[in-house]
């Protein structure tokens, strides 16, 4: 089941394996992924999605 293709929300995926974001140490100015990284991911058949999150009150030091 892990390696079988599936579709969710109109997006076809080859399997259920998803790699978490790892761009903080590979980002350009402003913590944006570089065009080279984007090209390499797409050349290998990968996709890049934005992950939006909010840490809530933990982010406030007061």
PDB file of N, CA and C in Angstrom:
ATOM      1  N   UNK A   1       0.813  -1.194   0.000  1.00  0.00           N
ATOM      2  CA  UNK A   1       0.000   0.000   0.000  1.00  0.00           C
ATOM      3  C   UNK A   1       0.863   1.266   0.000  1.00  0.00           C
ATOM      4  N   UNK A   2       1.993   1.249   0.674  1.00  0.00           N
ATOM      5  CA  UNK A   2       2.854   2.423   0.766  1.00  0.00           C
ATOM      6  C   UNK A   2       3.393   2.849  -0.599  1.00  0.00           C
ATOM      7  N   UNK A   3       3.697   1.858  -1.442  1.00  0.00           N
ATOM      8  CA  UNK A   3       4.286   2.160  -2.743  1.00  0.00           C
ATOM      9  C   UNK A   3       3.272   2.189  -3.887  1.00  0.00           C
ATOM     10  N   UNK A   4       2.008   2.017  -3.594  1.00  0.00           N
ATOM     11  CA  UNK A   4       1.007   2.023  -4.660  1.00  0.00           C
ATOM     12  C   UNK A   4       0.561   3.445  -4.982  1.00  0.00           C
ATOM     13  N   UNK A   5       0.265   3.722  -6.253  1.00  0.00           N
ATOM     14  CA  UNK A   5      -0.171   5.058  -6.651  1.00  0.00           C
ATOM     15  C   UNK A   5      -1.547   5.397  -6.084  1.00  0.00           C
ATOM     16  N   UNK A   6      -1.776   6.664  -5.850  1.00  0.00           N
ATOM     17  CA  UNK A   6      -3.097   7.096  -5.399  1.00  0.00           C
ATOM     18  C   UNK A   6      -3.313   8.551  -5.761  1.00  0.00           C
ATOM     19  N   UNK A   7      -4.551   8.982  -5.647  1.00  0.00           N
ATOM     20  CA  UNK A   7      -4.918  10.350  -5.983  1.00  0.00           C
ATOM     21  C   UNK A   7      -5.660  10.962  -4.801  1.00  0.00           C
ATOM     22  N   UNK A   8      -5.350  12.223  -4.521  1.00  0.00           N
ATOM     23  CA  UNK A   8      -6.020  12.935  -3.437  1.00  0.00           C
ATOM     24  C   UNK A   8      -6.177  14.387  -3.853  1.00  0.00           C
ATOM     25  N   UNK A   9      -7.363  14.895  -3.725  1.00  0.00           N
ATOM     26  CA  UNK A   9      -7.671  16.296  -4.054  1.00  0.00           C
ATOM     27  C   UNK A   9      -7.232  16.650  -5.478  1.00  0.00           C
ATOM     28  N   UNK A  10      -7.372  15.705  -6.402  1.00  0.00           N
ATOM     29  CA  UNK A  10      -7.029  15.970  -7.786  1.00  0.00           C
ATOM     30  C   UNK A  10      -5.548  15.890  -8.106  1.00  0.00           C
ATOM     31  N   UNK A  11      -4.737  15.478  -7.142  1.00  0.00           N
ATOM     32  CA  UNK A  11      -3.295  15.344  -7.369  1.00  0.00           C
ATOM     33  C   UNK A  11      -2.932  13.865  -7.415  1.00  0.00           C
ATOM     34  N   UNK A  12      -2.400  13.437  -8.546  1.00  0.00           N
ATOM     35  CA  UNK A  12      -1.986  12.048  -8.694  1.00  0.00           C
ATOM     36  C   UNK A  12      -0.581  11.883  -8.136  1.00  0.00           C
ATOM     37  N   UNK A  13      -0.407  10.858  -7.317  1.00  0.00           N
ATOM     38  CA  UNK A  13       0.900  10.593  -6.718  1.00  0.00           C
ATOM     39  C   UNK A  13       1.320   9.172  -7.050  1.00  0.00           C
ATOM     40  N   UNK A  14       2.620   8.996  -7.218  1.00  0.00           N
ATOM     41  CA  UNK A  14       3.156   7.680  -7.552  1.00  0.00           C
ATOM     42  C   UNK A  14       3.135   6.742  -6.350  1.00  0.00           C
ATOM     43  N   UNK A  15       3.177   7.308  -5.132  1.00  0.00           N
ATOM     44  CA  UNK A  15       3.171   6.506  -3.909  1.00  0.00           C
ATOM     45  C   UNK A  15       2.760   7.396  -2.736  1.00  0.00           C
ATOM     46  N   UNK A  16       2.831   6.862  -1.534  1.00  0.00           N
ATOM     47  CA  UNK A  16       2.418   7.607  -0.348  1.00  0.00           C
ATOM     48  C   UNK A  16       3.612   8.127   0.446  1.00  0.00           C
ATOM     49  N   UNK A  17       4.767   8.145  -0.154  1.00  0.00           N
ATOM     50  CA  UNK A  17       5.969   8.609   0.526  1.00  0.00           C
ATOM     51  C   UNK A  17       6.123  10.105   0.288  1.00  0.00           C
ATOM     52  N   UNK A  18       6.244  10.855   1.375  1.00  0.00           N
ATOM     53  CA  UNK A  18       6.384  12.306   1.289  1.00  0.00           C
ATOM     54  C   UNK A  18       7.596  12.724   2.104  1.00  0.00           C
ATOM     55  N   UNK A  19       8.437  13.550   1.529  1.00  0.00           N
ATOM     56  CA  UNK A  19       9.622  14.033   2.221  1.00  0.00           C
ATOM     57  C   UNK A  19       9.320  15.391   2.848  1.00  0.00           C
ATOM     58  N   UNK A  20       9.623  15.561   4.106  1.00  0.00           N
ATOM     59  CA  UNK A  20       9.345  16.846   4.757  1.00  0.00           C
ATOM     60  C   UNK A  20      10.255  17.947   4.225  1.00  0.00           C
ATOM     61  N   UNK A  21       9.893  19.201   4.443  1.00  0.00           N
ATOM     62  CA  UNK A  21      10.712  20.301   3.958  1.00  0.00           C
ATOM     63  C   UNK A  21      12.105  20.292   4.578  1.00  0.00           C
ATOM     64  N   UNK A  22      13.097  20.527   3.744  1.00  0.00           N
ATOM     65  CA  UNK A  22      14.487  20.561   4.220  1.00  0.00           C
ATOM     66  C   UNK A  22      15.238  21.718   3.569  1.00  0.00           C
ATOM     67  N   UNK A  23      14.604  22.834   3.391  1.00  0.00           N
ATOM     68  CA  UNK A  23      15.222  23.913   2.617  1.00  0.00           C
ATOM     69  C   UNK A  23      15.863  25.005   3.458  1.00  0.00           C
ATOM     70  N   UNK A  24      15.745  24.962   4.752  1.00  0.00           N
ATOM     71  CA  UNK A  24      16.310  26.053   5.550  1.00  0.00           C
ATOM     72  C   UNK A  24      17.807  26.210   5.335  1.00  0.00           C
ATOM     73  N   UNK A  25      18.530  25.100   5.238  1.00  0.00           N
ATOM     74  CA  UNK A  25      19.974  25.201   5.036  1.00  0.00           C
ATOM     75  C   UNK A  25      20.344  25.290   3.558  1.00  0.00           C
ATOM     76  N   UNK A  26      19.362  25.182   2.686  1.00  0.00           N
ATOM     77  CA  UNK A  26      19.627  25.248   1.251  1.00  0.00           C
ATOM     78  C   UNK A  26      18.864  26.390   0.595  1.00  0.00           C
ATOM     79  N   UNK A  27      18.447  27.327   1.390  1.00  0.00           N
ATOM     80  CA  UNK A  27      17.628  28.417   0.876  1.00  0.00           C
ATOM     81  C   UNK A  27      18.488  29.615   0.491  1.00  0.00           C
ATOM     82  N   UNK A  28      17.950  30.404  -0.401  1.00  0.00           N
ATOM     83  CA  UNK A  28      18.600  31.650  -0.791  1.00  0.00           C
ATOM     84  C   UNK A  28      18.167  32.739   0.188  1.00  0.00           C
ATOM     85  N   UNK A  29      18.529  33.946  -0.115  1.00  0.00           N
ATOM     86  CA  UNK A  29      18.161  35.073   0.738  1.00  0.00           C
ATOM     87  C   UNK A  29      16.646  35.128   0.929  1.00  0.00           C
ATOM     88  N   UNK A  30      16.217  35.338   2.156  1.00  0.00           N
ATOM     89  CA  UNK A  30      14.797  35.375   2.453  1.00  0.00           C
ATOM     90  C   UNK A  30      14.201  33.996   2.684  1.00  0.00           C
ATOM     91  N   UNK A  31      15.069  32.973   2.845  1.00  0.00           N
ATOM     92  CA  UNK A  31      14.636  31.584   3.079  1.00  0.00           C
ATOM     93  C   UNK A  31      13.746  31.043   1.964  1.00  0.00           C
ATOM     94  N   UNK A  32      14.078  31.396   0.740  1.00  0.00           N
ATOM     95  CA  UNK A  32      13.349  30.911  -0.435  1.00  0.00           C
ATOM     96  C   UNK A  32      14.216  29.874  -1.135  1.00  0.00           C
ATOM     97  N   UNK A  33      13.601  28.785  -1.559  1.00  0.00           N
ATOM     98  CA  UNK A  33      14.328  27.736  -2.263  1.00  0.00           C
ATOM     99  C   UNK A  33      14.966  28.291  -3.536  1.00  0.00           C
ATOM    100  N   UNK A  34      16.185  27.901  -3.804  1.00  0.00           N
ATOM    101  CA  UNK A  34      16.890  28.387  -4.987  1.00  0.00           C
ATOM    102  C   UNK A  34      16.321  27.738  -6.252  1.00  0.00           C
ATOM    103  N   UNK A  35      16.449  28.414  -7.389  1.00  0.00           N
ATOM    104  CA  UNK A  35      15.975  27.832  -8.655  1.00  0.00           C
ATOM    105  C   UNK A  35      16.658  26.499  -8.973  1.00  0.00           C
ATOM    106  N   UNK A  36      17.925  26.325  -8.566  1.00  0.00           N
ATOM    107  CA  UNK A  36      18.637  25.073  -8.831  1.00  0.00           C
ATOM    108  C   UNK A  36      17.968  23.911  -8.099  1.00  0.00           C
ATOM    109  N   UNK A  37      17.649  24.113  -6.825  1.00  0.00           N
ATOM    110  CA  UNK A  37      16.979  23.056  -6.056  1.00  0.00           C
ATOM    111  C   UNK A  37      15.634  22.720  -6.693  1.00  0.00           C
ATOM    112  N   UNK A  38      14.892  23.740  -7.072  1.00  0.00           N
ATOM    113  CA  UNK A  38      13.582  23.528  -7.701  1.00  0.00           C
ATOM    114  C   UNK A  38      13.729  22.726  -8.984  1.00  0.00           C
ATOM    115  N   UNK A  39      14.710  23.069  -9.801  1.00  0.00           N
ATOM    116  CA  UNK A  39      14.941  22.361 -11.066  1.00  0.00           C
ATOM    117  C   UNK A  39      15.287  20.893 -10.818  1.00  0.00           C
ATOM    118  N   UNK A  40      16.145  20.630  -9.855  1.00  0.00           N
ATOM    119  CA  UNK A  40      16.553  19.255  -9.562  1.00  0.00           C
ATOM    120  C   UNK A  40      15.362  18.423  -9.095  1.00  0.00           C
ATOM    121  N   UNK A  41      14.534  18.987  -8.228  1.00  0.00           N
ATOM    122  CA  UNK A  41      13.348  18.265  -7.745  1.00  0.00           C
ATOM    123  C   UNK A  41      12.415  17.942  -8.904  1.00  0.00           C
ATOM    124  N   UNK A  42      12.152  18.918  -9.764  1.00  0.00           N
ATOM    125  CA  UNK A  42      11.247  18.691 -10.895  1.00  0.00           C
ATOM    126  C   UNK A  42      11.846  17.723 -11.915  1.00  0.00           C
ATOM    127  N   UNK A  43      13.148  17.777 -12.115  1.00  0.00           N
ATOM    128  CA  UNK A  43      13.804  16.876 -13.068  1.00  0.00           C
ATOM    129  C   UNK A  43      13.690  15.418 -12.630  1.00  0.00           C
ATOM    130  N   UNK A  44      13.598  15.181 -11.335  1.00  0.00           N
ATOM    131  CA  UNK A  44      13.464  13.828 -10.800  1.00  0.00           C
ATOM    132  C   UNK A  44      12.001  13.390 -10.682  1.00  0.00           C
ATOM    133  N   UNK A  45      11.084  14.239 -11.161  1.00  0.00           N
ATOM    134  CA  UNK A  45       9.667  13.887 -11.103  1.00  0.00           C
ATOM    135  C   UNK A  45       9.004  14.255  -9.791  1.00  0.00           C
ATOM    136  N   UNK A  46       9.695  15.026  -8.967  1.00  0.00           N
ATOM    137  CA  UNK A  46       9.143  15.428  -7.679  1.00  0.00           C
ATOM    138  C   UNK A  46       8.273  16.665  -7.801  1.00  0.00           C
ATOM    139  N   UNK A  47       7.563  16.952  -6.737  1.00  0.00           N
ATOM    140  CA  UNK A  47       6.703  18.132  -6.680  1.00  0.00           C
ATOM    141  C   UNK A  47       7.018  18.899  -5.408  1.00  0.00           C
ATOM    142  N   UNK A  48       6.810  20.184  -5.453  1.00  0.00           N
ATOM    143  CA  UNK A  48       7.045  21.033  -4.288  1.00  0.00           C
ATOM    144  C   UNK A  48       5.728  21.680  -3.902  1.00  0.00           C
ATOM    145  N   UNK A  49       5.374  21.564  -2.630  1.00  0.00           N
ATOM    146  CA  UNK A  49       4.152  22.158  -2.107  1.00  0.00           C
ATOM    147  C   UNK A  49       4.516  23.115  -0.985  1.00  0.00           C
ATOM    148  N   UNK A  50       3.735  24.152  -0.838  1.00  0.00           N
ATOM    149  CA  UNK A  50       3.931  25.072   0.287  1.00  0.00           C
ATOM    150  C   UNK A  50       3.288  24.461   1.526  1.00  0.00           C
ATOM    151  N   UNK A  51       4.005  24.557   2.619  1.00  0.00           N
ATOM    152  CA  UNK A  51       3.465  24.077   3.887  1.00  0.00           C
ATOM    153  C   UNK A  51       3.258  25.291   4.783  1.00  0.00           C
ATOM    154  N   UNK A  52       2.017  25.557   5.114  1.00  0.00           N
ATOM    155  CA  UNK A  52       1.700  26.681   5.973  1.00  0.00           C
ATOM    156  C   UNK A  52       1.424  26.173   7.379  1.00  0.00           C
ATOM    157  N   UNK A  53       2.060  26.800   8.339  1.00  0.00           N
ATOM    158  CA  UNK A  53       1.821  26.397   9.717  1.00  0.00           C
ATOM    159  C   UNK A  53       1.953  27.604  10.634  1.00  0.00           C
ATOM    160  N   UNK A  54       1.392  27.465  11.793  1.00  0.00           N
ATOM    161  CA  UNK A  54       1.456  28.536  12.785  1.00  0.00           C
ATOM    162  C   UNK A  54       1.738  27.876  14.125  1.00  0.00           C
ATOM    163  N   UNK A  55       2.736  28.375  14.830  1.00  0.00           N
ATOM    164  CA  UNK A  55       3.095  27.758  16.097  1.00  0.00           C
ATOM    165  C   UNK A  55       2.287  28.273  17.276  1.00  0.00           C
ATOM    166  N   UNK A  56       1.436  29.244  17.010  1.00  0.00           N
ATOM    167  CA  UNK A  56       0.558  29.759  18.063  1.00  0.00           C
ATOM    168  C   UNK A  56       1.297  30.546  19.120  1.00  0.00           C
ATOM    169  N   UNK A  57       0.864  30.403  20.356  1.00  0.00           N
ATOM    170  CA  UNK A  57       1.435  31.190  21.443  1.00  0.00           C
ATOM    171  C   UNK A  57       2.868  30.813  21.760  1.00  0.00           C
ATOM    172  N   UNK A  58       3.305  29.647  21.319  1.00  0.00           N
ATOM    173  CA  UNK A  58       4.685  29.222  21.573  1.00  0.00           C
ATOM    174  C   UNK A  58       5.671  30.200  20.952  1.00  0.00           C
ATOM    175  N   UNK A  59       5.285  30.862  19.874  1.00  0.00           N
ATOM    176  CA  UNK A  59       6.187  31.777  19.182  1.00  0.00           C
ATOM    177  C   UNK A  59       6.386  33.099  19.932  1.00  0.00           C
ATOM    178  N   UNK A  60       5.540  33.390  20.906  1.00  0.00           N
ATOM    179  CA  UNK A  60       5.656  34.638  21.656  1.00  0.00           C
ATOM    180  C   UNK A  60       6.501  34.432  22.902  1.00  0.00           C
ATOM    181  N   UNK A  61       7.495  35.276  23.076  1.00  0.00           N
ATOM    182  CA  UNK A  61       8.377  35.140  24.242  1.00  0.00           C
ATOM    183  C   UNK A  61       7.783  35.817  25.487  1.00  0.00           C
ATOM    184  N   UNK A  62       6.757  36.621  25.325  1.00  0.00           N
ATOM    185  CA  UNK A  62       6.184  37.305  26.478  1.00  0.00           C
ATOM    186  C   UNK A  62       5.209  36.447  27.247  1.00  0.00           C
TER     187      UNK A  62
END
